Amino acid sequence: MKKPALIGKKHLEEAHKIFLLLSNPNRLQVLNVLEQRAMNVNQLSKLLGIEQSSLSHQLAKLKKYQLVDVFPVKKSRYYKLDDPHIMDIVSETISHADHVMRGKPHGE
């Protein structure tokens, strides 16, 4: 019988960091919003009810892991989703959470 392949240590460590990054509800909501449209910090702050300084800190973390990008528009800096496939992970996680909350097996 063939031995199961293991994930390399460096990849495990990076994946762990990304899951920690995604464990913050505010960051998940930011990614959700930026998947729909680009926004500046002021717009995001008002929409999400998060202080701008805290939001800027969260955006910097997401940018460090290449999940969001920033671009200038006149005198503002707009943020957009930079890695759309991260939303596959988020969507699957939300779907799983829905099953758990409803107490239903997968597929129901």
C-alpha atoms as a PDB file:
ATOM      1  CA  MET A   1       0.000   0.000   0.000  1.00  0.00           C
ATOM      2  CA  LYS A   2       1.331   3.413  -0.985  1.00  0.00           C
ATOM      3  CA  LYS A   3       2.146   5.795   1.847  1.00  0.00           C
ATOM      4  CA  PRO A   4      -0.072   8.946   1.814  1.00  0.00           C
ATOM      5  CA  ALA A   5       1.688  12.099   0.615  1.00  0.00           C
ATOM      6  CA  LEU A   6       2.249  14.758   3.248  1.00  0.00           C
ATOM      7  CA  ILE A   7       2.082  18.510   2.777  1.00  0.00           C
ATOM      8  CA  GLY A   8       5.521  20.118   2.976  1.00  0.00           C
ATOM      9  CA  LYS A   9       6.362  21.935   6.205  1.00  0.00           C
ATOM     10  CA  LYS A  10       6.807  25.367   4.587  1.00  0.00           C
ATOM     11  CA  HIS A  11       3.464  25.067   2.794  1.00  0.00           C
ATOM     12  CA  LEU A  12       1.759  23.970   6.011  1.00  0.00           C
ATOM     13  CA  GLU A  13       3.166  26.960   7.866  1.00  0.00           C
ATOM     14  CA  GLU A  14       2.054  29.428   5.181  1.00  0.00           C
ATOM     15  CA  ALA A  15      -1.393  27.827   4.947  1.00  0.00           C
ATOM     16  CA  HIS A  16      -1.686  28.060   8.739  1.00  0.00           C
ATOM     17  CA  LYS A  17      -0.874  31.777   8.579  1.00  0.00           C
ATOM     18  CA  ILE A  18      -3.533  32.293   5.901  1.00  0.00           C
ATOM     19  CA  PHE A  19      -6.163  30.428   7.928  1.00  0.00           C
ATOM     20  CA  LEU A  20      -5.274  32.574  10.942  1.00  0.00           C
ATOM     21  CA  LEU A  21      -5.664  35.644   8.742  1.00  0.00           C
ATOM     22  CA  LEU A  22      -9.081  34.409   7.599  1.00  0.00           C
ATOM     23  CA  SER A  23     -10.174  33.642  11.169  1.00  0.00           C
ATOM     24  CA  ASN A  24     -10.976  37.319  11.765  1.00  0.00           C
ATOM     25  CA  PRO A  25     -14.662  38.089  10.971  1.00  0.00           C
ATOM     26  CA  ASN A  26     -13.866  41.682   9.942  1.00  0.00           C
ATOM     27  CA  ARG A  27     -11.300  40.493   7.405  1.00  0.00           C
ATOM     28  CA  LEU A  28     -13.774  37.972   5.997  1.00  0.00           C
ATOM     29  CA  GLN A  29     -16.353  40.725   5.609  1.00  0.00           C
ATOM     30  CA  VAL A  30     -13.778  43.005   3.937  1.00  0.00           C
ATOM     31  CA  LEU A  31     -12.945  40.266   1.425  1.00  0.00           C
ATOM     32  CA  ASN A  32     -16.647  39.685   0.813  1.00  0.00           C
ATOM     33  CA  VAL A  33     -17.247  43.375   0.094  1.00  0.00           C
ATOM     34  CA  LEU A  34     -14.130  43.828  -2.045  1.00  0.00           C
ATOM     35  CA  GLU A  35     -15.115  40.835  -4.154  1.00  0.00           C
ATOM     36  CA  GLN A  36     -18.193  42.867  -5.143  1.00  0.00           C
ATOM     37  CA  ARG A  37     -16.510  46.232  -5.721  1.00  0.00           C
ATOM     38  CA  ALA A  38     -13.445  48.316  -4.966  1.00  0.00           C
ATOM     39  CA  MET A  39     -13.768  50.781  -2.105  1.00  0.00           C
ATOM     40  CA  ASN A  40     -11.634  53.256  -0.181  1.00  0.00           C
ATOM     41  CA  VAL A  41     -11.017  53.037   3.559  1.00  0.00           C
ATOM     42  CA  ASN A  42     -13.637  55.676   4.342  1.00  0.00           C
ATOM     43  CA  GLN A  43     -16.331  53.810   2.393  1.00  0.00           C
ATOM     44  CA  LEU A  44     -15.399  50.468   3.954  1.00  0.00           C
ATOM     45  CA  SER A  45     -15.263  51.993   7.426  1.00  0.00           C
ATOM     46  CA  LYS A  46     -18.778  53.413   7.134  1.00  0.00           C
ATOM     47  CA  LEU A  47     -20.217  50.257   5.582  1.00  0.00           C
ATOM     48  CA  LEU A  48     -18.678  47.865   8.121  1.00  0.00           C
ATOM     49  CA  GLY A  49     -18.807  50.119  11.196  1.00  0.00           C
ATOM     50  CA  ILE A  50     -15.074  49.701  11.830  1.00  0.00           C
ATOM     51  CA  GLU A  51     -12.763  52.554  12.833  1.00  0.00           C
ATOM     52  CA  GLN A  52     -10.526  53.644   9.970  1.00  0.00           C
ATOM     53  CA  SER A  53      -7.295  53.004  11.890  1.00  0.00           C
ATOM     54  CA  SER A  54      -8.347  49.440  12.723  1.00  0.00           C
ATOM     55  CA  LEU A  55      -9.562  48.861   9.177  1.00  0.00           C
ATOM     56  CA  SER A  56      -6.283  50.159   7.713  1.00  0.00           C
ATOM     57  CA  HIS A  57      -4.425  47.690   9.912  1.00  0.00           C
ATOM     58  CA  GLN A  58      -6.639  44.831   8.676  1.00  0.00           C
ATOM     59  CA  LEU A  59      -6.185  45.884   5.058  1.00  0.00           C
ATOM     60  CA  ALA A  60      -2.402  45.972   5.490  1.00  0.00           C
ATOM     61  CA  LYS A  61      -2.471  42.372   6.733  1.00  0.00           C
ATOM     62  CA  LEU A  62      -4.607  41.291   3.781  1.00  0.00           C
ATOM     63  CA  LYS A  63      -2.285  43.126   1.385  1.00  0.00           C
ATOM     64  CA  LYS A  64       0.790  41.451   2.900  1.00  0.00           C
ATOM     65  CA  TYR A  65      -0.684  38.080   1.926  1.00  0.00           C
ATOM     66  CA  GLN A  66      -1.649  39.335  -1.558  1.00  0.00           C
ATOM     67  CA  LEU A  67      -5.374  39.027  -0.898  1.00  0.00           C
ATOM     68  CA  VAL A  68      -6.126  42.688  -1.585  1.00  0.00           C
ATOM     69  CA  ASP A  69      -4.431  45.333  -3.684  1.00  0.00           C
ATOM     70  CA  VAL A  70      -4.567  49.107  -3.601  1.00  0.00           C
ATOM     71  CA  PHE A  71      -4.747  51.587  -6.459  1.00  0.00           C
ATOM     72  CA  PRO A  72      -5.038  55.380  -6.601  1.00  0.00           C
ATOM     73  CA  VAL A  73      -8.135  57.246  -7.764  1.00  0.00           C
ATOM     74  CA  LYS A  74      -7.538  60.999  -7.658  1.00  0.00           C
ATOM     75  CA  LYS A  75      -6.516  61.684  -4.027  1.00  0.00           C
ATOM     76  CA  SER A  76      -7.927  58.423  -2.636  1.00  0.00           C
ATOM     77  CA  ARG A  77      -6.547  54.907  -2.376  1.00  0.00           C
ATOM     78  CA  TYR A  78      -8.995  52.190  -3.343  1.00  0.00           C
ATOM     79  CA  TYR A  79      -8.774  48.567  -2.311  1.00  0.00           C
ATOM     80  CA  LYS A  80      -9.841  45.630  -4.429  1.00  0.00           C
ATOM     81  CA  LEU A  81      -9.726  41.873  -4.132  1.00  0.00           C
ATOM     82  CA  ASP A  82      -6.381  40.710  -5.523  1.00  0.00           C
ATOM     83  CA  ASP A  83      -6.833  36.948  -5.307  1.00  0.00           C
ATOM     84  CA  PRO A  84     -10.359  35.919  -6.302  1.00  0.00           C
ATOM     85  CA  HIS A  85      -9.776  32.220  -5.641  1.00  0.00           C
ATOM     86  CA  ILE A  86      -9.433  32.943  -1.905  1.00  0.00           C
ATOM     87  CA  MET A  87     -13.191  33.492  -2.055  1.00  0.00           C
ATOM     88  CA  ASP A  88     -13.605  29.801  -2.942  1.00  0.00           C
ATOM     89  CA  ILE A  89     -12.196  28.994   0.500  1.00  0.00           C
ATOM     90  CA  VAL A  90     -14.407  31.617   2.135  1.00  0.00           C
ATOM     91  CA  SER A  91     -17.545  30.435   0.286  1.00  0.00           C
ATOM     92  CA  GLU A  92     -16.918  26.777   1.136  1.00  0.00           C
ATOM     93  CA  THR A  93     -16.346  27.723   4.772  1.00  0.00           C
ATOM     94  CA  ILE A  94     -19.566  29.750   4.895  1.00  0.00           C
ATOM     95  CA  SER A  95     -21.437  26.813   3.308  1.00  0.00           C
ATOM     96  CA  HIS A  96     -20.017  24.467   5.910  1.00  0.00           C
ATOM     97  CA  ALA A  97     -20.971  26.912   8.686  1.00  0.00           C
ATOM     98  CA  ASP A  98     -24.519  26.946   7.303  1.00  0.00           C
ATOM     99  CA  HIS A  99     -24.723  23.133   7.522  1.00  0.00           C
ATOM    100  CA  VAL A 100     -23.433  23.203  11.088  1.00  0.00           C
ATOM    101  CA  MET A 101     -25.828  25.990  12.131  1.00  0.00           C
ATOM    102  CA  ARG A 102     -28.807  24.143  10.634  1.00  0.00           C
ATOM    103  CA  GLY A 103     -27.670  20.810  12.051  1.00  0.00           C
ATOM    104  CA  LYS A 104     -27.985  19.252   8.602  1.00  0.00           C
ATOM    105  CA  PRO A 105     -25.621  16.832   6.879  1.00  0.00           C
ATOM    106  CA  HIS A 106     -23.797  18.001   3.762  1.00  0.00           C
ATOM    107  CA  GLY A 107     -25.988  18.086   0.698  1.00  0.00           C
ATOM    108  CA  GLU A 108     -29.212  18.857   2.555  1.00  0.00           C
END
